[in-house]
């Protein structure tokens, strides 16, 4: 027979596991969005769009876009 304490502990653990899964899914979605934005920024750089325009559309930081631009230029050498 399960005591009230054991039942409460099991419920608490189940709730904690579910909350952890939800948080993990949210983090995964956010990482995917960032990855996609960077991929779009790279394509825009290769099409010679301005850094400001890329920033406005993708919301990738100007510093990151400049880093991507340097990376692309180094690959062309």
C-alpha atoms as a PDB file:
ATOM      1  CA  UNK A   1       0.000   0.000   0.000  1.00  0.00           C
ATOM      2  CA  UNK A   2       1.323   3.416  -0.978  1.00  0.00           C
ATOM      3  CA  UNK A   3       1.443   6.038   1.724  1.00  0.00           C
ATOM      4  CA  UNK A   4       0.304   9.605   1.131  1.00  0.00           C
ATOM      5  CA  UNK A   5       3.928  10.716   1.395  1.00  0.00           C
ATOM      6  CA  UNK A   6       5.067   8.270  -1.305  1.00  0.00           C
ATOM      7  CA  UNK A   7       2.173   9.261  -3.549  1.00  0.00           C
ATOM      8  CA  UNK A   8       3.026  12.945  -3.116  1.00  0.00           C
ATOM      9  CA  UNK A   9       6.685  12.265  -3.888  1.00  0.00           C
ATOM     10  CA  UNK A  10       5.757  10.351  -7.068  1.00  0.00           C
ATOM     11  CA  UNK A  11       3.423  13.136  -8.189  1.00  0.00           C
ATOM     12  CA  UNK A  12       6.111  15.731  -7.526  1.00  0.00           C
ATOM     13  CA  UNK A  13       8.672  13.762  -9.512  1.00  0.00           C
ATOM     14  CA  UNK A  14       6.258  13.308 -12.427  1.00  0.00           C
ATOM     15  CA  UNK A  15       5.486  17.029 -12.436  1.00  0.00           C
ATOM     16  CA  UNK A  16       9.201  17.881 -12.363  1.00  0.00           C
ATOM     17  CA  UNK A  17       9.925  15.544 -15.266  1.00  0.00           C
ATOM     18  CA  UNK A  18       7.108  17.054 -17.350  1.00  0.00           C
ATOM     19  CA  UNK A  19       8.285  20.604 -16.605  1.00  0.00           C
ATOM     20  CA  UNK A  20      11.810  19.596 -17.637  1.00  0.00           C
ATOM     21  CA  UNK A  21      10.518  18.208 -20.925  1.00  0.00           C
ATOM     22  CA  UNK A  22       8.557  21.382 -21.647  1.00  0.00           C
ATOM     23  CA  UNK A  23      11.598  23.538 -20.927  1.00  0.00           C
ATOM     24  CA  UNK A  24      13.763  21.332 -23.134  1.00  0.00           C
ATOM     25  CA  UNK A  25      11.300  21.623 -26.017  1.00  0.00           C
ATOM     26  CA  UNK A  26      11.178  25.409 -25.652  1.00  0.00           C
ATOM     27  CA  UNK A  27      14.973  25.641 -25.657  1.00  0.00           C
ATOM     28  CA  UNK A  28      15.142  23.398 -28.718  1.00  0.00           C
ATOM     29  CA  UNK A  29      12.643  25.564 -30.582  1.00  0.00           C
ATOM     30  CA  UNK A  30      14.584  28.718 -29.697  1.00  0.00           C
ATOM     31  CA  UNK A  31      17.875  27.176 -30.832  1.00  0.00           C
ATOM     32  CA  UNK A  32      16.248  26.152 -34.100  1.00  0.00           C
ATOM     33  CA  UNK A  33      14.990  29.681 -34.688  1.00  0.00           C
ATOM     34  CA  UNK A  34      18.458  31.129 -34.069  1.00  0.00           C
ATOM     35  CA  UNK A  35      20.049  28.577 -36.398  1.00  0.00           C
ATOM     36  CA  UNK A  36      17.546  29.391 -39.134  1.00  0.00           C
ATOM     37  CA  UNK A  37      18.064  33.151 -38.716  1.00  0.00           C
ATOM     38  CA  UNK A  38      21.829  32.728 -39.057  1.00  0.00           C
ATOM     39  CA  UNK A  39      21.380  30.574 -42.156  1.00  0.00           C
ATOM     40  CA  UNK A  40      19.162  33.267 -43.702  1.00  0.00           C
ATOM     41  CA  UNK A  41      21.677  35.973 -42.741  1.00  0.00           C
ATOM     42  CA  UNK A  42      24.458  34.037 -44.507  1.00  0.00           C
ATOM     43  CA  UNK A  43      22.368  33.728 -47.666  1.00  0.00           C
ATOM     44  CA  UNK A  44      21.559  37.427 -47.555  1.00  0.00           C
ATOM     45  CA  UNK A  45      25.255  38.280 -47.172  1.00  0.00           C
ATOM     46  CA  UNK A  46      26.087  36.169 -50.204  1.00  0.00           C
ATOM     47  CA  UNK A  47      23.412  38.089 -52.137  1.00  0.00           C
ATOM     48  CA  UNK A  48      25.155  41.345 -51.085  1.00  0.00           C
ATOM     49  CA  UNK A  49      22.373  42.650 -48.813  1.00  0.00           C
ATOM     50  CA  UNK A  50      23.480  45.325 -46.362  1.00  0.00           C
ATOM     51  CA  UNK A  51      24.296  44.436 -42.772  1.00  0.00           C
ATOM     52  CA  UNK A  52      21.577  46.794 -41.543  1.00  0.00           C
ATOM     53  CA  UNK A  53      18.960  45.195 -43.796  1.00  0.00           C
ATOM     54  CA  UNK A  54      19.975  41.701 -42.686  1.00  0.00           C
ATOM     55  CA  UNK A  55      19.776  42.760 -39.046  1.00  0.00           C
ATOM     56  CA  UNK A  56      16.338  44.297 -39.560  1.00  0.00           C
ATOM     57  CA  UNK A  57      14.934  41.195 -41.258  1.00  0.00           C
ATOM     58  CA  UNK A  58      16.604  38.392 -39.275  1.00  0.00           C
ATOM     59  CA  UNK A  59      17.088  40.123 -35.897  1.00  0.00           C
ATOM     60  CA  UNK A  60      20.603  38.661 -35.807  1.00  0.00           C
ATOM     61  CA  UNK A  61      22.944  41.075 -34.041  1.00  0.00           C
ATOM     62  CA  UNK A  62      25.081  43.359 -36.180  1.00  0.00           C
ATOM     63  CA  UNK A  63      28.184  41.984 -34.467  1.00  0.00           C
ATOM     64  CA  UNK A  64      27.198  38.417 -35.420  1.00  0.00           C
ATOM     65  CA  UNK A  65      26.424  39.448 -39.013  1.00  0.00           C
ATOM     66  CA  UNK A  66      29.851  41.097 -39.266  1.00  0.00           C
ATOM     67  CA  UNK A  67      31.424  37.894 -37.950  1.00  0.00           C
ATOM     68  CA  UNK A  68      29.509  35.855 -40.536  1.00  0.00           C
ATOM     69  CA  UNK A  69      30.594  38.264 -43.277  1.00  0.00           C
ATOM     70  CA  UNK A  70      34.257  37.852 -42.304  1.00  0.00           C
ATOM     71  CA  UNK A  71      33.809  34.078 -42.228  1.00  0.00           C
ATOM     72  CA  UNK A  72      32.320  34.089 -45.745  1.00  0.00           C
ATOM     73  CA  UNK A  73      35.080  36.367 -47.057  1.00  0.00           C
ATOM     74  CA  UNK A  74      37.745  34.061 -45.610  1.00  0.00           C
ATOM     75  CA  UNK A  75      36.166  31.085 -47.377  1.00  0.00           C
ATOM     76  CA  UNK A  76      36.387  32.895 -50.712  1.00  0.00           C
ATOM     77  CA  UNK A  77      40.180  33.357 -50.369  1.00  0.00           C
END
